[in-house]
Amino acid sequence: ITSAKVESIAEDADGATVTVTVDGQTQTLRAEMVLQAVGWKPRTGYGLEVTGVKLDSRGWIEVDDYMQTNVEGIYAIGDVTGRLQLAHVASAQGIIAAERMAGAETMPLNYIMMP
């Protein structure tokens, strides 16, 4: 089940009873184990399309290894890039973008090394 609002989870010795609401309908489910996860959708409608900045197929802003978009002088960092959506990653991306804007030599962010 996706796009469900979890109303309650009650654990017992045999697993869990989960009450969810999907499309206005409440359902009760039994499961041995429950995985609850969240997803992100980009927020749109801010006029970005008039800048010519390219978005990928999922709506994230495309950037190169130095956070530069396809439009010269426009950089993007953080959640809007669709990469690791963590505050410390956005901070590191911001440093790279700022260094690049200042004309400094900088290394691309190594996402594999991010905790």
N, C-alpha and C. Protein backbone atom coordinates (compact mmCIF):
# COMPACT_ATOMS: atom_id res chain seq x y z
N ILE A 1 0.85 -1.18 0.00
CA ILE A 1 0.00 0.00 0.00
C ILE A 1 0.90 1.23 0.00
N THR A 2 0.59 2.16 -0.86
CA THR A 2 1.32 3.43 -0.90
C THR A 2 0.33 4.58 -0.72
N SER A 3 0.85 5.73 -0.39
CA SER A 3 0.05 6.94 -0.21
C SER A 3 -1.04 6.75 0.84
N ALA A 4 -0.72 6.00 1.88
CA ALA A 4 -1.67 5.75 2.96
C ALA A 4 -1.30 6.58 4.18
N LYS A 5 -2.31 7.01 4.91
CA LYS A 5 -2.09 7.67 6.19
C LYS A 5 -2.23 6.61 7.27
N VAL A 6 -1.17 6.40 8.04
CA VAL A 6 -1.21 5.42 9.12
C VAL A 6 -1.93 6.06 10.30
N GLU A 7 -3.03 5.46 10.70
CA GLU A 7 -3.81 5.97 11.83
C GLU A 7 -3.30 5.39 13.14
N SER A 8 -2.94 4.09 13.12
CA SER A 8 -2.42 3.46 14.34
C SER A 8 -1.70 2.17 13.99
N ILE A 9 -0.76 1.81 14.87
CA ILE A 9 -0.07 0.53 14.78
C ILE A 9 -0.09 -0.07 16.18
N ALA A 10 -0.63 -1.27 16.30
CA ALA A 10 -0.68 -1.97 17.59
C ALA A 10 0.09 -3.27 17.45
N GLU A 11 1.18 -3.39 18.21
CA GLU A 11 2.00 -4.60 18.16
C GLU A 11 1.48 -5.63 19.16
N ASP A 12 1.65 -6.90 18.79
CA ASP A 12 1.38 -8.00 19.71
C ASP A 12 2.40 -9.10 19.44
N ALA A 13 2.27 -10.23 20.10
CA ALA A 13 3.25 -11.31 19.98
C ALA A 13 3.33 -11.88 18.57
N ASP A 14 2.27 -11.76 17.79
CA ASP A 14 2.24 -12.33 16.44
C ASP A 14 2.52 -11.33 15.33
N GLY A 15 2.77 -10.09 15.67
CA GLY A 15 3.02 -9.08 14.64
C GLY A 15 2.39 -7.77 15.00
N ALA A 16 1.60 -7.23 14.06
CA ALA A 16 1.00 -5.92 14.28
C ALA A 16 -0.32 -5.79 13.55
N THR A 17 -1.18 -4.97 14.12
CA THR A 17 -2.42 -4.57 13.47
C THR A 17 -2.24 -3.10 13.10
N VAL A 18 -2.42 -2.81 11.83
CA VAL A 18 -2.20 -1.47 11.32
C VAL A 18 -3.52 -0.94 10.76
N THR A 19 -3.89 0.24 11.21
CA THR A 19 -5.08 0.90 10.67
C THR A 19 -4.60 2.04 9.78
N VAL A 20 -5.05 2.02 8.52
CA VAL A 20 -4.63 3.03 7.55
C VAL A 20 -5.85 3.64 6.87
N THR A 21 -5.66 4.84 6.34
CA THR A 21 -6.68 5.47 5.51
C THR A 21 -6.07 5.70 4.13
N VAL A 22 -6.76 5.16 3.12
CA VAL A 22 -6.33 5.32 1.73
C VAL A 22 -7.53 5.83 0.94
N ASP A 23 -7.35 6.97 0.28
CA ASP A 23 -8.43 7.56 -0.52
C ASP A 23 -9.73 7.68 0.27
N GLY A 24 -9.63 8.07 1.55
CA GLY A 24 -10.81 8.27 2.38
C GLY A 24 -11.39 7.02 2.98
N GLN A 25 -10.85 5.86 2.65
CA GLN A 25 -11.34 4.58 3.17
C GLN A 25 -10.39 4.07 4.26
N THR A 26 -10.94 3.70 5.42
CA THR A 26 -10.13 3.16 6.51
C THR A 26 -10.07 1.64 6.38
N GLN A 27 -8.87 1.11 6.54
CA GLN A 27 -8.65 -0.33 6.46
C GLN A 27 -7.84 -0.78 7.67
N THR A 28 -8.08 -2.00 8.11
CA THR A 28 -7.27 -2.60 9.16
C THR A 28 -6.53 -3.78 8.56
N LEU A 29 -5.23 -3.82 8.77
CA LEU A 29 -4.38 -4.85 8.18
C LEU A 29 -3.62 -5.59 9.26
N ARG A 30 -3.35 -6.86 9.03
CA ARG A 30 -2.49 -7.65 9.92
C ARG A 30 -1.19 -7.91 9.20
N ALA A 31 -0.09 -7.86 9.94
CA ALA A 31 1.22 -8.10 9.34
C ALA A 31 2.18 -8.65 10.38
N GLU A 32 3.14 -9.44 9.90
CA GLU A 32 4.21 -9.91 10.78
C GLU A 32 5.15 -8.76 11.12
N MET A 33 5.34 -7.88 10.14
CA MET A 33 6.28 -6.77 10.30
C MET A 33 5.73 -5.57 9.53
N VAL A 34 6.04 -4.38 10.01
CA VAL A 34 5.58 -3.15 9.36
C VAL A 34 6.78 -2.30 9.00
N LEU A 35 6.82 -1.84 7.76
CA LEU A 35 7.82 -0.88 7.32
C LEU A 35 7.06 0.38 6.93
N GLN A 36 7.32 1.44 7.66
CA GLN A 36 6.69 2.72 7.33
C GLN A 36 7.78 3.62 6.80
N ALA A 37 7.58 4.16 5.61
CA ALA A 37 8.59 5.01 4.97
C ALA A 37 7.90 6.24 4.40
N VAL A 38 8.71 7.25 4.14
CA VAL A 38 8.18 8.47 3.54
C VAL A 38 8.87 8.72 2.23
N GLY A 39 8.25 9.46 1.39
CA GLY A 39 8.84 9.87 0.12
C GLY A 39 8.71 11.38 -0.01
N TRP A 40 9.41 11.91 -0.96
CA TRP A 40 9.40 13.35 -1.19
C TRP A 40 8.94 13.64 -2.60
N LYS A 41 8.17 14.68 -2.72
CA LYS A 41 7.80 15.19 -4.04
C LYS A 41 8.28 16.63 -4.09
N PRO A 42 8.90 17.01 -5.19
CA PRO A 42 9.32 18.40 -5.29
C PRO A 42 8.12 19.34 -5.33
N ARG A 43 8.25 20.47 -4.68
CA ARG A 43 7.21 21.51 -4.75
C ARG A 43 7.49 22.35 -5.98
N THR A 44 6.46 22.58 -6.74
CA THR A 44 6.61 23.33 -7.99
C THR A 44 5.68 24.54 -7.98
N GLY A 45 5.71 25.27 -9.07
CA GLY A 45 4.81 26.41 -9.18
C GLY A 45 5.41 27.72 -8.73
N TYR A 46 6.72 27.78 -8.63
CA TYR A 46 7.38 29.01 -8.19
C TYR A 46 7.98 29.80 -9.35
N GLY A 47 7.69 29.39 -10.58
CA GLY A 47 8.18 30.12 -11.74
C GLY A 47 9.55 29.69 -12.21
N LEU A 48 10.08 28.60 -11.69
CA LEU A 48 11.40 28.13 -12.09
C LEU A 48 11.47 27.86 -13.59
N GLU A 49 10.36 27.44 -14.16
CA GLU A 49 10.34 27.09 -15.59
C GLU A 49 10.73 28.27 -16.49
N VAL A 50 10.49 29.50 -16.05
CA VAL A 50 10.83 30.65 -16.88
C VAL A 50 12.33 30.92 -16.92
N THR A 51 13.09 30.31 -16.01
CA THR A 51 14.55 30.51 -15.99
C THR A 51 15.26 29.63 -17.00
N GLY A 52 14.60 28.55 -17.44
CA GLY A 52 15.24 27.60 -18.34
C GLY A 52 16.02 26.53 -17.62
N VAL A 53 15.99 26.53 -16.28
CA VAL A 53 16.68 25.49 -15.50
C VAL A 53 16.04 24.15 -15.80
N LYS A 54 16.87 23.17 -16.10
CA LYS A 54 16.40 21.85 -16.50
C LYS A 54 16.07 20.99 -15.28
N LEU A 55 14.92 20.32 -15.36
CA LEU A 55 14.52 19.37 -14.33
C LEU A 55 14.65 17.96 -14.89
N ASP A 56 14.90 17.00 -14.00
CA ASP A 56 14.96 15.62 -14.47
C ASP A 56 13.54 15.05 -14.56
N SER A 57 13.42 13.77 -14.90
CA SER A 57 12.11 13.16 -15.11
C SER A 57 11.27 13.10 -13.84
N ARG A 58 11.90 13.24 -12.68
CA ARG A 58 11.17 13.19 -11.41
C ARG A 58 10.91 14.59 -10.83
N GLY A 59 11.35 15.62 -11.55
CA GLY A 59 11.09 16.98 -11.10
C GLY A 59 12.19 17.63 -10.29
N TRP A 60 13.32 16.95 -10.12
CA TRP A 60 14.45 17.51 -9.38
C TRP A 60 15.27 18.41 -10.30
N ILE A 61 15.91 19.41 -9.72
CA ILE A 61 16.77 20.29 -10.50
C ILE A 61 18.06 19.56 -10.83
N GLU A 62 18.40 19.51 -12.11
CA GLU A 62 19.64 18.85 -12.53
C GLU A 62 20.83 19.77 -12.27
N VAL A 63 21.86 19.22 -11.64
CA VAL A 63 23.10 19.96 -11.38
C VAL A 63 24.29 19.10 -11.77
N ASP A 64 25.42 19.77 -12.01
CA ASP A 64 26.65 19.02 -12.26
C ASP A 64 27.33 18.74 -10.92
N ASP A 65 28.56 18.26 -10.97
CA ASP A 65 29.29 17.91 -9.75
C ASP A 65 29.60 19.10 -8.86
N TYR A 66 29.40 20.31 -9.40
CA TYR A 66 29.71 21.53 -8.65
C TYR A 66 28.45 22.34 -8.35
N MET A 67 27.29 21.70 -8.46
CA MET A 67 25.99 22.27 -8.13
C MET A 67 25.49 23.30 -9.14
N GLN A 68 26.17 23.41 -10.28
CA GLN A 68 25.78 24.34 -11.35
C GLN A 68 24.64 23.70 -12.15
N THR A 69 23.59 24.46 -12.39
CA THR A 69 22.51 23.98 -13.25
C THR A 69 22.93 24.16 -14.70
N ASN A 70 22.04 23.86 -15.61
CA ASN A 70 22.33 24.06 -17.03
C ASN A 70 22.33 25.53 -17.43
N VAL A 71 21.90 26.42 -16.53
CA VAL A 71 21.88 27.85 -16.80
C VAL A 71 23.06 28.48 -16.07
N GLU A 72 23.94 29.10 -16.84
CA GLU A 72 25.14 29.71 -16.25
C GLU A 72 24.77 30.69 -15.14
N GLY A 73 25.44 30.55 -14.00
CA GLY A 73 25.21 31.45 -12.87
C GLY A 73 24.10 31.03 -11.93
N ILE A 74 23.38 29.97 -12.26
CA ILE A 74 22.33 29.48 -11.36
C ILE A 74 22.78 28.14 -10.79
N TYR A 75 22.86 28.10 -9.47
CA TYR A 75 23.27 26.91 -8.75
C TYR A 75 22.09 26.40 -7.93
N ALA A 76 22.11 25.13 -7.59
CA ALA A 76 21.07 24.55 -6.74
C ALA A 76 21.73 23.59 -5.76
N ILE A 77 21.27 23.64 -4.52
CA ILE A 77 21.77 22.74 -3.49
C ILE A 77 20.61 22.19 -2.68
N GLY A 78 20.87 21.16 -1.92
CA GLY A 78 19.89 20.63 -0.98
C GLY A 78 18.87 19.72 -1.62
N ASP A 79 17.72 19.64 -0.98
CA ASP A 79 16.69 18.69 -1.39
C ASP A 79 16.25 18.85 -2.83
N VAL A 80 16.31 20.07 -3.38
CA VAL A 80 15.83 20.30 -4.75
C VAL A 80 16.64 19.55 -5.80
N THR A 81 17.83 19.05 -5.42
CA THR A 81 18.66 18.32 -6.37
C THR A 81 18.30 16.84 -6.42
N GLY A 82 17.51 16.36 -5.46
CA GLY A 82 17.10 14.96 -5.46
C GLY A 82 18.19 14.01 -5.04
N ARG A 83 19.29 14.52 -4.56
CA ARG A 83 20.37 13.65 -4.08
C ARG A 83 20.11 13.35 -2.62
N LEU A 84 21.10 12.95 -1.86
CA LEU A 84 20.89 12.64 -0.45
C LEU A 84 20.24 13.83 0.25
N GLN A 85 19.08 13.61 0.81
CA GLN A 85 18.30 14.71 1.39
C GLN A 85 18.56 14.80 2.89
N LEU A 86 19.74 15.28 3.20
CA LEU A 86 20.19 15.43 4.58
C LEU A 86 20.80 16.82 4.74
N ALA A 87 20.63 17.41 5.92
CA ALA A 87 21.11 18.77 6.15
C ALA A 87 22.61 18.90 5.93
N HIS A 88 23.39 17.94 6.40
CA HIS A 88 24.84 18.06 6.24
C HIS A 88 25.27 17.91 4.78
N VAL A 89 24.50 17.19 3.98
CA VAL A 89 24.79 17.10 2.55
C VAL A 89 24.51 18.45 1.89
N ALA A 90 23.39 19.07 2.23
CA ALA A 90 23.07 20.39 1.68
C ALA A 90 24.13 21.41 2.06
N SER A 91 24.62 21.32 3.28
CA SER A 91 25.68 22.23 3.73
C SER A 91 26.94 22.05 2.91
N ALA A 92 27.33 20.79 2.69
CA ALA A 92 28.52 20.50 1.89
C ALA A 92 28.32 20.95 0.44
N GLN A 93 27.12 20.74 -0.10
CA GLN A 93 26.83 21.21 -1.46
C GLN A 93 26.94 22.73 -1.52
N GLY A 94 26.46 23.41 -0.49
CA GLY A 94 26.52 24.86 -0.44
C GLY A 94 27.94 25.39 -0.45
N ILE A 95 28.83 24.70 0.26
CA ILE A 95 30.24 25.10 0.28
C ILE A 95 30.84 24.95 -1.11
N ILE A 96 30.56 23.83 -1.76
CA ILE A 96 31.08 23.60 -3.11
C ILE A 96 30.56 24.67 -4.07
N ALA A 97 29.26 24.96 -4.00
CA ALA A 97 28.67 25.98 -4.89
C ALA A 97 29.29 27.35 -4.62
N ALA A 98 29.45 27.71 -3.35
CA ALA A 98 30.03 29.02 -3.00
C ALA A 98 31.47 29.13 -3.47
N GLU A 99 32.24 28.06 -3.28
CA GLU A 99 33.64 28.07 -3.74
C GLU A 99 33.69 28.23 -5.26
N ARG A 100 32.83 27.52 -5.95
CA ARG A 100 32.79 27.59 -7.41
C ARG A 100 32.40 28.99 -7.88
N MET A 101 31.41 29.59 -7.23
CA MET A 101 30.98 30.94 -7.59
C MET A 101 32.09 31.95 -7.36
N ALA A 102 32.92 31.69 -6.34
CA ALA A 102 34.02 32.60 -6.02
C ALA A 102 35.23 32.36 -6.91
N GLY A 103 35.15 31.36 -7.78
CA GLY A 103 36.25 31.06 -8.69
C GLY A 103 37.35 30.21 -8.09
N ALA A 104 37.09 29.64 -6.92
CA ALA A 104 38.08 28.79 -6.26
C ALA A 104 38.05 27.38 -6.83
N GLU A 105 39.20 26.72 -6.78
CA GLU A 105 39.26 25.31 -7.14
C GLU A 105 38.57 24.52 -6.04
N THR A 106 37.74 23.58 -6.41
CA THR A 106 37.05 22.76 -5.42
C THR A 106 36.88 21.36 -5.96
N MET A 107 36.70 20.43 -5.07
CA MET A 107 36.49 19.04 -5.44
C MET A 107 34.99 18.75 -5.42
N PRO A 108 34.53 17.85 -6.30
CA PRO A 108 33.12 17.46 -6.24
C PRO A 108 32.83 16.72 -4.93
N LEU A 109 31.59 16.72 -4.53
CA LEU A 109 31.18 16.04 -3.31
C LEU A 109 31.18 14.53 -3.53
N ASN A 110 31.78 13.80 -2.61
CA ASN A 110 31.80 12.35 -2.67
C ASN A 110 30.61 11.83 -1.86
N TYR A 111 29.51 11.53 -2.53
CA TYR A 111 28.29 11.10 -1.85
C TYR A 111 28.46 9.75 -1.18
N ILE A 112 29.35 8.93 -1.67
CA ILE A 112 29.58 7.61 -1.07
C ILE A 112 30.12 7.75 0.35
N MET A 113 30.86 8.84 0.61
CA MET A 113 31.46 9.04 1.92
C MET A 113 30.52 9.75 2.90
N MET A 114 29.32 10.10 2.48
CA MET A 114 28.38 10.80 3.35
C MET A 114 27.69 9.81 4.29
N PRO A 115 27.70 10.12 5.59
CA PRO A 115 26.99 9.23 6.53
C PRO A 115 25.49 9.40 6.44
